[in-house]
Amino acid sequence: MEAATGLMIERGGTGFQIGEVSERCGMSKGALYYYFADKGALVQAIFDRSMEGLVSDVEAVVAQAPSARASILGLVEAVAHAVQPGSALTLALAHGLWDVEHEVLPHIKEHMERIIAVLEAQLERAKVEGLVRPGTNSHLVAVAIIGAFAITEYAGEGVDTGDDAEAFVHGVLDVVFHGIGVRAGEHDA
């Protein structure tokens, strides 16, 4: 899986052959096929491992955070790092969306639901700490935040993340916590 991940990152996609993976890891093709039925199964395994790592990272950040603000920021930073363009997770996800034989979408849903549930709980915690309005739909906000990062790779140049993932994280959280509307008296009459 490490060899295939390296090839994916080097090539910016899944344009590699099983023979290249076997050569890179010093394993025969037959031995590789013992573990993975085909290239799609190998990419699916990379995706699953990446998603499980992301969920673990999110849970660890939240468990160590001293406040809701710190947990939300850490959680969103972990997600932003995992889905940055060219990451193994993003490349495997892009491949998986078109690989109907391996049905990656149920796996995406399962992992994303876990991350959304953790974020939703932190938004509820933020309500108690006075950071979020009491009437806010925490589930909707959690879905919107995670969706912002999940779709960035596919939104094209209209979403400028630049090379500064941290600025993008703070920009998304600024929209969430401060909104896009103007306050009374801030706009021209």
C-alpha atoms as a PDB file:
ATOM      1  CA  MET A   1       0.000   0.000   0.000  1.00  0.00           C
ATOM      2  CA  GLU A   2       2.923   2.360   0.719  1.00  0.00           C
ATOM      3  CA  ALA A   3       4.390   1.710  -2.727  1.00  0.00           C
ATOM      4  CA  ALA A   4       1.042   2.349  -4.449  1.00  0.00           C
ATOM      5  CA  THR A   5       0.474   5.482  -2.354  1.00  0.00           C
ATOM      6  CA  GLY A   6       3.899   6.785  -3.386  1.00  0.00           C
ATOM      7  CA  LEU A   7       3.114   6.156  -7.050  1.00  0.00           C
ATOM      8  CA  MET A   8      -0.264   7.885  -6.713  1.00  0.00           C
ATOM      9  CA  ILE A   9       1.269  10.985  -5.144  1.00  0.00           C
ATOM     10  CA  GLU A  10       4.130  11.122  -7.663  1.00  0.00           C
ATOM     11  CA  ARG A  11       1.744  10.855 -10.612  1.00  0.00           C
ATOM     12  CA  GLY A  12      -1.147  12.862  -9.220  1.00  0.00           C
ATOM     13  CA  GLY A  13      -3.581  10.010  -9.679  1.00  0.00           C
ATOM     14  CA  THR A  14      -4.013   6.296 -10.010  1.00  0.00           C
ATOM     15  CA  GLY A  15      -2.229   5.947 -13.351  1.00  0.00           C
ATOM     16  CA  PHE A  16       0.041   3.133 -12.252  1.00  0.00           C
ATOM     17  CA  GLN A  17       0.232  -0.560 -13.018  1.00  0.00           C
ATOM     18  CA  ILE A  18       0.220  -3.397 -10.494  1.00  0.00           C
ATOM     19  CA  GLY A  19       3.608  -4.447 -11.932  1.00  0.00           C
ATOM     20  CA  GLU A  20       5.084  -1.106 -10.870  1.00  0.00           C
ATOM     21  CA  VAL A  21       3.765  -1.575  -7.348  1.00  0.00           C
ATOM     22  CA  SER A  22       5.157  -5.105  -7.115  1.00  0.00           C
ATOM     23  CA  GLU A  23       8.544  -3.933  -8.411  1.00  0.00           C
ATOM     24  CA  ARG A  24       8.673  -1.002  -6.008  1.00  0.00           C
ATOM     25  CA  CYS A  25       7.866  -3.099  -2.949  1.00  0.00           C
ATOM     26  CA  GLY A  26       9.940  -6.121  -3.983  1.00  0.00           C
ATOM     27  CA  MET A  27       6.959  -8.441  -4.142  1.00  0.00           C
ATOM     28  CA  SER A  28       5.815 -10.636  -7.001  1.00  0.00           C
ATOM     29  CA  LYS A  29       2.595  -9.730  -8.813  1.00  0.00           C
ATOM     30  CA  GLY A  30       1.107 -13.037  -7.662  1.00  0.00           C
ATOM     31  CA  ALA A  31       1.827 -12.218  -4.033  1.00  0.00           C
ATOM     32  CA  LEU A  32       0.315  -8.765  -4.508  1.00  0.00           C
ATOM     33  CA  TYR A  33      -2.805 -10.282  -6.070  1.00  0.00           C
ATOM     34  CA  TYR A  34      -3.086 -12.545  -3.028  1.00  0.00           C
ATOM     35  CA  TYR A  35      -3.764  -9.425  -0.935  1.00  0.00           C
ATOM     36  CA  PHE A  36      -5.585  -7.284  -3.506  1.00  0.00           C
ATOM     37  CA  ALA A  37      -7.820  -8.698  -6.247  1.00  0.00           C
ATOM     38  CA  ASP A  38      -6.976  -5.817  -8.582  1.00  0.00           C
ATOM     39  CA  LYS A  39      -5.782  -2.219  -8.685  1.00  0.00           C
ATOM     40  CA  GLY A  40      -9.223  -0.955  -7.643  1.00  0.00           C
ATOM     41  CA  ALA A  41      -9.107  -3.071  -4.483  1.00  0.00           C
ATOM     42  CA  LEU A  42      -5.636  -1.715  -3.703  1.00  0.00           C
ATOM     43  CA  VAL A  43      -6.798   1.892  -4.149  1.00  0.00           C
ATOM     44  CA  GLN A  44      -9.869   1.117  -2.008  1.00  0.00           C
ATOM     45  CA  ALA A  45      -7.576  -0.177   0.751  1.00  0.00           C
ATOM     46  CA  ILE A  46      -5.494   3.019   0.549  1.00  0.00           C
ATOM     47  CA  PHE A  47      -8.675   5.081   0.766  1.00  0.00           C
ATOM     48  CA  ASP A  48      -9.957   3.095   3.760  1.00  0.00           C
ATOM     49  CA  ARG A  49      -6.641   3.395   5.587  1.00  0.00           C
ATOM     50  CA  SER A  50      -6.475   7.139   4.876  1.00  0.00           C
ATOM     51  CA  MET A  51     -10.058   7.676   6.092  1.00  0.00           C
ATOM     52  CA  GLU A  52      -9.479   5.612   9.223  1.00  0.00           C
ATOM     53  CA  GLY A  53      -6.343   7.672   9.896  1.00  0.00           C
ATOM     54  CA  LEU A  54      -8.315  10.872   9.449  1.00  0.00           C
ATOM     55  CA  VAL A  55     -11.046   9.718  11.835  1.00  0.00           C
ATOM     56  CA  SER A  56      -8.383   8.748  14.395  1.00  0.00           C
ATOM     57  CA  ASP A  57      -6.658  12.128  13.993  1.00  0.00           C
ATOM     58  CA  VAL A  58      -9.971  13.964  14.442  1.00  0.00           C
ATOM     59  CA  GLU A  59     -10.863  11.976  17.547  1.00  0.00           C
ATOM     60  CA  ALA A  60      -7.386  12.532  19.053  1.00  0.00           C
ATOM     61  CA  VAL A  61      -7.478  16.287  18.419  1.00  0.00           C
ATOM     62  CA  VAL A  62     -10.908  16.597  20.020  1.00  0.00           C
ATOM     63  CA  ALA A  63      -9.950  14.457  23.015  1.00  0.00           C
ATOM     64  CA  GLN A  64      -6.963  16.701  23.764  1.00  0.00           C
ATOM     65  CA  ALA A  65      -8.586  20.077  23.088  1.00  0.00           C
ATOM     66  CA  PRO A  66      -9.106  22.292  26.134  1.00  0.00           C
ATOM     67  CA  SER A  67     -12.066  24.139  24.591  1.00  0.00           C
ATOM     68  CA  ALA A  68     -14.672  23.899  21.869  1.00  0.00           C
ATOM     69  CA  ARG A  69     -12.827  26.544  19.850  1.00  0.00           C
ATOM     70  CA  ALA A  70      -9.590  24.541  19.993  1.00  0.00           C
ATOM     71  CA  SER A  71     -11.338  21.266  19.154  1.00  0.00           C
ATOM     72  CA  ILE A  72     -13.202  22.727  16.168  1.00  0.00           C
ATOM     73  CA  LEU A  73     -10.066  24.410  14.838  1.00  0.00           C
ATOM     74  CA  GLY A  74      -7.986  21.241  15.271  1.00  0.00           C
ATOM     75  CA  LEU A  75     -10.670  19.058  13.723  1.00  0.00           C
ATOM     76  CA  VAL A  76     -11.046  21.292  10.679  1.00  0.00           C
ATOM     77  CA  GLU A  77      -7.259  21.546  10.289  1.00  0.00           C
ATOM     78  CA  ALA A  78      -7.005  17.738  10.328  1.00  0.00           C
ATOM     79  CA  VAL A  79      -9.673  17.475   7.633  1.00  0.00           C
ATOM     80  CA  ALA A  80      -8.050  20.214   5.530  1.00  0.00           C
ATOM     81  CA  HIS A  81      -4.681  18.486   5.730  1.00  0.00           C
ATOM     82  CA  ALA A  82      -6.146  15.104   4.758  1.00  0.00           C
ATOM     83  CA  VAL A  83      -8.070  16.388   1.722  1.00  0.00           C
ATOM     84  CA  GLN A  84      -5.484  18.783   0.346  1.00  0.00           C
ATOM     85  CA  PRO A  85      -4.966  18.460  -3.410  1.00  0.00           C
ATOM     86  CA  GLY A  86      -2.598  15.633  -4.238  1.00  0.00           C
ATOM     87  CA  SER A  87      -2.999  13.813  -0.934  1.00  0.00           C
ATOM     88  CA  ALA A  88      -3.404  10.047  -0.963  1.00  0.00           C
ATOM     89  CA  LEU A  89      -6.943  10.409   0.399  1.00  0.00           C
ATOM     90  CA  THR A  90      -8.007  12.878  -2.294  1.00  0.00           C
ATOM     91  CA  LEU A  91      -6.443  10.831  -5.096  1.00  0.00           C
ATOM     92  CA  ALA A  92      -7.977   7.584  -3.846  1.00  0.00           C
ATOM     93  CA  LEU A  93     -11.337   9.308  -3.418  1.00  0.00           C
ATOM     94  CA  ALA A  94     -11.238  10.701  -6.958  1.00  0.00           C
ATOM     95  CA  HIS A  95     -10.451   7.235  -8.325  1.00  0.00           C
ATOM     96  CA  GLY A  96     -13.055   5.592  -6.119  1.00  0.00           C
ATOM     97  CA  LEU A  97     -15.875   7.826  -7.268  1.00  0.00           C
ATOM     98  CA  TRP A  98     -15.530   6.364 -10.759  1.00  0.00           C
ATOM     99  CA  ASP A  99     -14.875   2.775  -9.665  1.00  0.00           C
ATOM    100  CA  VAL A 100     -18.396   1.347  -9.496  1.00  0.00           C
ATOM    101  CA  GLU A 101     -17.078  -2.184  -9.066  1.00  0.00           C
ATOM    102  CA  HIS A 102     -15.687  -1.463  -5.591  1.00  0.00           C
ATOM    103  CA  GLU A 103     -18.566   0.727  -4.339  1.00  0.00           C
ATOM    104  CA  VAL A 104     -16.504   3.336  -2.505  1.00  0.00           C
ATOM    105  CA  LEU A 105     -19.435   5.654  -1.760  1.00  0.00           C
ATOM    106  CA  PRO A 106     -20.776   3.615   1.192  1.00  0.00           C
ATOM    107  CA  HIS A 107     -17.287   3.739   2.717  1.00  0.00           C
ATOM    108  CA  ILE A 108     -17.110   7.505   2.261  1.00  0.00           C
ATOM    109  CA  LYS A 109     -20.501   7.953   3.877  1.00  0.00           C
ATOM    110  CA  GLU A 110     -19.609   5.824   6.894  1.00  0.00           C
ATOM    111  CA  HIS A 111     -16.365   7.665   7.623  1.00  0.00           C
ATOM    112  CA  MET A 112     -17.745  11.124   6.913  1.00  0.00           C
ATOM    113  CA  GLU A 113     -20.710  10.484   9.193  1.00  0.00           C
ATOM    114  CA  ARG A 114     -18.272   9.756  12.037  1.00  0.00           C
ATOM    115  CA  ILE A 115     -16.351  12.983  11.429  1.00  0.00           C
ATOM    116  CA  ILE A 116     -19.558  14.990  11.096  1.00  0.00           C
ATOM    117  CA  ALA A 117     -20.872  13.508  14.353  1.00  0.00           C
ATOM    118  CA  VAL A 118     -17.680  14.498  16.192  1.00  0.00           C
ATOM    119  CA  LEU A 119     -17.846  18.026  14.764  1.00  0.00           C
ATOM    120  CA  GLU A 120     -21.544  18.277  15.596  1.00  0.00           C
ATOM    121  CA  ALA A 121     -20.787  17.332  19.223  1.00  0.00           C
ATOM    122  CA  GLN A 122     -18.106  20.027  19.351  1.00  0.00           C
ATOM    123  CA  LEU A 123     -20.540  22.603  17.997  1.00  0.00           C
ATOM    124  CA  GLU A 124     -22.953  21.611  20.770  1.00  0.00           C
ATOM    125  CA  ARG A 125     -20.067  22.036  23.222  1.00  0.00           C
ATOM    126  CA  ALA A 126     -19.453  25.470  21.687  1.00  0.00           C
ATOM    127  CA  LYS A 127     -23.074  26.399  22.422  1.00  0.00           C
ATOM    128  CA  VAL A 128     -22.496  25.645  26.101  1.00  0.00           C
ATOM    129  CA  GLU A 129     -19.288  27.710  26.019  1.00  0.00           C
ATOM    130  CA  GLY A 130     -21.141  30.645  24.416  1.00  0.00           C
ATOM    131  CA  LEU A 131     -19.354  30.491  21.052  1.00  0.00           C
ATOM    132  CA  VAL A 132     -22.345  29.352  18.991  1.00  0.00           C
ATOM    133  CA  ARG A 133     -25.915  30.635  19.094  1.00  0.00           C
ATOM    134  CA  PRO A 134     -28.194  28.243  21.011  1.00  0.00           C
ATOM    135  CA  GLY A 135     -30.658  27.817  18.128  1.00  0.00           C
ATOM    136  CA  THR A 136     -28.001  26.836  15.578  1.00  0.00           C
ATOM    137  CA  ASN A 137     -28.542  23.563  13.713  1.00  0.00           C
ATOM    138  CA  SER A 138     -25.224  21.908  14.624  1.00  0.00           C
ATOM    139  CA  HIS A 139     -25.697  19.034  12.201  1.00  0.00           C
ATOM    140  CA  LEU A 140     -26.250  21.377   9.248  1.00  0.00           C
ATOM    141  CA  VAL A 141     -23.208  23.459  10.203  1.00  0.00           C
ATOM    142  CA  ALA A 142     -21.043  20.332  10.594  1.00  0.00           C
ATOM    143  CA  VAL A 143     -22.125  19.061   7.169  1.00  0.00           C
ATOM    144  CA  ALA A 144     -21.416  22.481   5.633  1.00  0.00           C
ATOM    145  CA  ILE A 145     -17.927  22.680   7.143  1.00  0.00           C
ATOM    146  CA  ILE A 146     -16.900  19.176   6.114  1.00  0.00           C
ATOM    147  CA  GLY A 147     -18.515  19.690   2.714  1.00  0.00           C
ATOM    148  CA  ALA A 148     -16.442  22.825   2.160  1.00  0.00           C
ATOM    149  CA  PHE A 149     -13.266  20.793   2.427  1.00  0.00           C
ATOM    150  CA  ALA A 150     -14.535  17.677   0.693  1.00  0.00           C
ATOM    151  CA  ILE A 151     -15.597  19.587  -2.425  1.00  0.00           C
ATOM    152  CA  THR A 152     -12.641  21.992  -2.656  1.00  0.00           C
ATOM    153  CA  GLU A 153     -10.646  19.584  -4.841  1.00  0.00           C
ATOM    154  CA  TYR A 154     -13.506  19.470  -7.350  1.00  0.00           C
ATOM    155  CA  ALA A 155     -14.564  23.125  -7.240  1.00  0.00           C
ATOM    156  CA  GLY A 156     -11.714  24.161  -9.481  1.00  0.00           C
ATOM    157  CA  GLU A 157     -10.072  27.518  -9.573  1.00  0.00           C
ATOM    158  CA  GLY A 158     -13.142  29.313  -8.232  1.00  0.00           C
ATOM    159  CA  VAL A 159     -12.020  28.294  -4.733  1.00  0.00           C
ATOM    160  CA  ASP A 160      -8.573  29.723  -4.085  1.00  0.00           C
ATOM    161  CA  THR A 161      -6.980  27.708  -1.305  1.00  0.00           C
ATOM    162  CA  GLY A 162      -3.557  28.804  -2.445  1.00  0.00           C
ATOM    163  CA  ASP A 163      -0.683  27.043  -0.788  1.00  0.00           C
ATOM    164  CA  ASP A 164      -1.873  28.132   2.639  1.00  0.00           C
ATOM    165  CA  ALA A 165      -4.225  25.479   3.997  1.00  0.00           C
ATOM    166  CA  GLU A 166      -4.292  27.229   7.377  1.00  0.00           C
ATOM    167  CA  ALA A 167      -5.633  30.433   5.806  1.00  0.00           C
ATOM    168  CA  PHE A 168      -8.343  28.394   4.074  1.00  0.00           C
ATOM    169  CA  VAL A 169      -9.267  26.710   7.372  1.00  0.00           C
ATOM    170  CA  HIS A 170      -9.566  30.068   9.107  1.00  0.00           C
ATOM    171  CA  GLY A 171     -11.524  31.494   6.160  1.00  0.00           C
ATOM    172  CA  VAL A 172     -14.094  28.697   6.330  1.00  0.00           C
ATOM    173  CA  LEU A 173     -14.380  29.010  10.109  1.00  0.00           C
ATOM    174  CA  ASP A 174     -14.723  32.793   9.794  1.00  0.00           C
ATOM    175  CA  VAL A 175     -17.708  32.299   7.487  1.00  0.00           C
ATOM    176  CA  VAL A 176     -19.192  29.775   9.919  1.00  0.00           C
ATOM    177  CA  PHE A 177     -18.713  31.819  13.074  1.00  0.00           C
ATOM    178  CA  HIS A 178     -19.245  35.306  11.649  1.00  0.00           C
ATOM    179  CA  GLY A 179     -21.455  34.675   8.632  1.00  0.00           C
ATOM    180  CA  ILE A 180     -21.531  36.533   5.360  1.00  0.00           C
ATOM    181  CA  GLY A 181     -24.255  39.039   6.116  1.00  0.00           C
ATOM    182  CA  VAL A 182     -23.624  42.600   7.159  1.00  0.00           C
ATOM    183  CA  ARG A 183     -24.736  43.995  10.479  1.00  0.00           C
ATOM    184  CA  ALA A 184     -27.198  46.849  10.637  1.00  0.00           C
ATOM    185  CA  GLY A 185     -25.449  50.100   9.769  1.00  0.00           C
ATOM    186  CA  GLU A 186     -22.544  48.387   7.923  1.00  0.00           C
ATOM    187  CA  HIS A 187     -24.029  48.650   4.450  1.00  0.00           C
ATOM    188  CA  ASP A 188     -24.917  51.636   2.283  1.00  0.00           C
ATOM    189  CA  ALA A 189     -28.533  52.701   2.382  1.00  0.00           C
END
